[in-house]
Amino acid sequence: MDRELQELRAQIDLIDTEILQKIAARCAIVKKMGQFKKKKNLPLIDKDREQLLLQDRSKKAVKLHLSADCTHKLFRLLIQEARKIQKE
């Protein structure tokens, strides 16, 4: 295989690892938020906050020349996972 291609794939592998580490950090914070919300008898789901988050992340994606649709889907998945974590 071409050496340049191998190097590019290695760079992607490193970035993917960083992404996974960031998702793990996000999930740890989400868990703390769930505990806080339960302790304070706050609702676990805040649809207004979720909509603002989705709009904000999509706008940021466009500024970075990324697909707003793909970003919306990605963060929708992260929100779904956050809901599961907070219910634990």
C-alpha atoms as a PDB file:
ATOM      1  CA  MET A   1       0.000   0.000   0.000  1.00  0.00           C
ATOM      2  CA  ASP A   2       1.120   3.544  -0.678  1.00  0.00           C
ATOM      3  CA  ARG A   3       3.080   5.070   2.211  1.00  0.00           C
ATOM      4  CA  GLU A   4       1.281   8.412   1.974  1.00  0.00           C
ATOM      5  CA  LEU A   5      -2.073   6.652   2.227  1.00  0.00           C
ATOM      6  CA  GLN A   6      -0.854   4.733   5.289  1.00  0.00           C
ATOM      7  CA  GLU A   7       0.248   7.999   6.928  1.00  0.00           C
ATOM      8  CA  LEU A   8      -3.100   9.638   6.211  1.00  0.00           C
ATOM      9  CA  ARG A   9      -4.927   6.652   7.684  1.00  0.00           C
ATOM     10  CA  ALA A  10      -2.704   6.801  10.764  1.00  0.00           C
ATOM     11  CA  GLN A  11      -3.633  10.464  11.190  1.00  0.00           C
ATOM     12  CA  ILE A  12      -7.321   9.579  10.960  1.00  0.00           C
ATOM     13  CA  ASP A  13      -6.816   6.796  13.528  1.00  0.00           C
ATOM     14  CA  LEU A  14      -5.299   9.306  15.957  1.00  0.00           C
ATOM     15  CA  ILE A  15      -8.125  11.770  15.436  1.00  0.00           C
ATOM     16  CA  ASP A  16     -10.694   8.982  15.905  1.00  0.00           C
ATOM     17  CA  THR A  17      -9.067   8.087  19.233  1.00  0.00           C
ATOM     18  CA  GLU A  18      -9.245  11.737  20.297  1.00  0.00           C
ATOM     19  CA  ILE A  19     -12.918  11.873  19.311  1.00  0.00           C
ATOM     20  CA  LEU A  20     -13.650   8.764  21.386  1.00  0.00           C
ATOM     21  CA  GLN A  21     -11.812  10.256  24.369  1.00  0.00           C
ATOM     22  CA  LYS A  22     -13.882  13.441  24.066  1.00  0.00           C
ATOM     23  CA  ILE A  23     -17.105  11.429  23.860  1.00  0.00           C
ATOM     24  CA  ALA A  24     -16.079   9.495  26.988  1.00  0.00           C
ATOM     25  CA  ALA A  25     -15.397  12.797  28.800  1.00  0.00           C
ATOM     26  CA  ARG A  26     -18.776  14.123  27.649  1.00  0.00           C
ATOM     27  CA  CYS A  27     -20.511  10.995  28.934  1.00  0.00           C
ATOM     28  CA  ALA A  28     -18.834  11.332  32.340  1.00  0.00           C
ATOM     29  CA  ILE A  29     -20.154  14.896  32.626  1.00  0.00           C
ATOM     30  CA  VAL A  30     -23.602  13.783  31.442  1.00  0.00           C
ATOM     31  CA  LYS A  31     -23.641  11.179  34.227  1.00  0.00           C
ATOM     32  CA  LYS A  32     -22.840  13.876  36.821  1.00  0.00           C
ATOM     33  CA  MET A  33     -25.590  16.061  35.346  1.00  0.00           C
ATOM     34  CA  GLY A  34     -28.070  13.207  35.697  1.00  0.00           C
ATOM     35  CA  GLN A  35     -27.106  12.714  39.334  1.00  0.00           C
ATOM     36  CA  PHE A  36     -27.442  16.444  39.987  1.00  0.00           C
ATOM     37  CA  LYS A  37     -30.849  16.599  38.292  1.00  0.00           C
ATOM     38  CA  LYS A  38     -32.124  13.613  40.290  1.00  0.00           C
ATOM     39  CA  LYS A  39     -30.851  15.113  43.549  1.00  0.00           C
ATOM     40  CA  LYS A  40     -32.580  18.439  42.787  1.00  0.00           C
ATOM     41  CA  ASN A  41     -35.723  16.761  41.391  1.00  0.00           C
ATOM     42  CA  LEU A  42     -35.168  18.392  37.999  1.00  0.00           C
ATOM     43  CA  PRO A  43     -36.459  16.869  34.765  1.00  0.00           C
ATOM     44  CA  LEU A  44     -33.871  14.766  32.960  1.00  0.00           C
ATOM     45  CA  ILE A  45     -35.027  15.947  29.540  1.00  0.00           C
ATOM     46  CA  ASP A  46     -34.916  19.606  28.516  1.00  0.00           C
ATOM     47  CA  LYS A  47     -36.262  19.772  24.960  1.00  0.00           C
ATOM     48  CA  ASP A  48     -35.636  23.524  24.702  1.00  0.00           C
ATOM     49  CA  ARG A  49     -31.973  23.024  25.615  1.00  0.00           C
ATOM     50  CA  GLU A  50     -31.695  20.147  23.144  1.00  0.00           C
ATOM     51  CA  GLN A  51     -33.094  22.264  20.305  1.00  0.00           C
ATOM     52  CA  LEU A  52     -30.732  25.140  21.128  1.00  0.00           C
ATOM     53  CA  LEU A  53     -27.804  22.721  21.221  1.00  0.00           C
ATOM     54  CA  LEU A  54     -28.713  21.202  17.854  1.00  0.00           C
ATOM     55  CA  GLN A  55     -29.112  24.625  16.243  1.00  0.00           C
ATOM     56  CA  ASP A  56     -25.855  25.906  17.729  1.00  0.00           C
ATOM     57  CA  ARG A  57     -23.814  22.861  16.717  1.00  0.00           C
ATOM     58  CA  SER A  58     -25.221  22.944  13.188  1.00  0.00           C
ATOM     59  CA  LYS A  59     -24.292  26.623  12.837  1.00  0.00           C
ATOM     60  CA  LYS A  60     -20.790  25.909  14.118  1.00  0.00           C
ATOM     61  CA  ALA A  61     -20.484  23.011  11.664  1.00  0.00           C
ATOM     62  CA  VAL A  62     -21.354  25.248   8.718  1.00  0.00           C
ATOM     63  CA  LYS A  63     -18.690  27.753   9.799  1.00  0.00           C
ATOM     64  CA  LEU A  64     -16.207  24.877   9.767  1.00  0.00           C
ATOM     65  CA  HIS A  65     -17.389  23.810   6.291  1.00  0.00           C
ATOM     66  CA  LEU A  66     -19.020  20.665   7.645  1.00  0.00           C
ATOM     67  CA  SER A  67     -22.418  19.253   6.841  1.00  0.00           C
ATOM     68  CA  ALA A  68     -25.104  20.726   9.096  1.00  0.00           C
ATOM     69  CA  ASP A  69     -27.231  17.629   8.448  1.00  0.00           C
ATOM     70  CA  CYS A  70     -24.480  15.218   9.460  1.00  0.00           C
ATOM     71  CA  THR A  71     -23.709  17.303  12.544  1.00  0.00           C
ATOM     72  CA  HIS A  72     -27.396  17.396  13.481  1.00  0.00           C
ATOM     73  CA  LYS A  73     -27.575  13.587  13.233  1.00  0.00           C
ATOM     74  CA  LEU A  74     -24.382  13.147  15.242  1.00  0.00           C
ATOM     75  CA  PHE A  75     -25.566  15.369  18.063  1.00  0.00           C
ATOM     76  CA  ARG A  76     -29.028  13.789  18.007  1.00  0.00           C
ATOM     77  CA  LEU A  77     -27.272  10.464  18.721  1.00  0.00           C
ATOM     78  CA  LEU A  78     -25.223  12.060  21.493  1.00  0.00           C
ATOM     79  CA  ILE A  79     -28.393  13.471  23.041  1.00  0.00           C
ATOM     80  CA  GLN A  80     -30.091  10.054  22.884  1.00  0.00           C
ATOM     81  CA  GLU A  81     -27.091   8.489  24.607  1.00  0.00           C
ATOM     82  CA  ALA A  82     -27.075  11.270  27.210  1.00  0.00           C
ATOM     83  CA  ARG A  83     -30.719  10.524  28.012  1.00  0.00           C
ATOM     84  CA  LYS A  84     -29.874   6.837  28.576  1.00  0.00           C
ATOM     85  CA  ILE A  85     -26.911   7.699  30.799  1.00  0.00           C
ATOM     86  CA  GLN A  86     -28.901  10.165  32.880  1.00  0.00           C
ATOM     87  CA  LYS A  87     -31.631   7.572  33.489  1.00  0.00           C
ATOM     88  CA  GLU A  88     -29.138   5.111  34.982  1.00  0.00           C
END
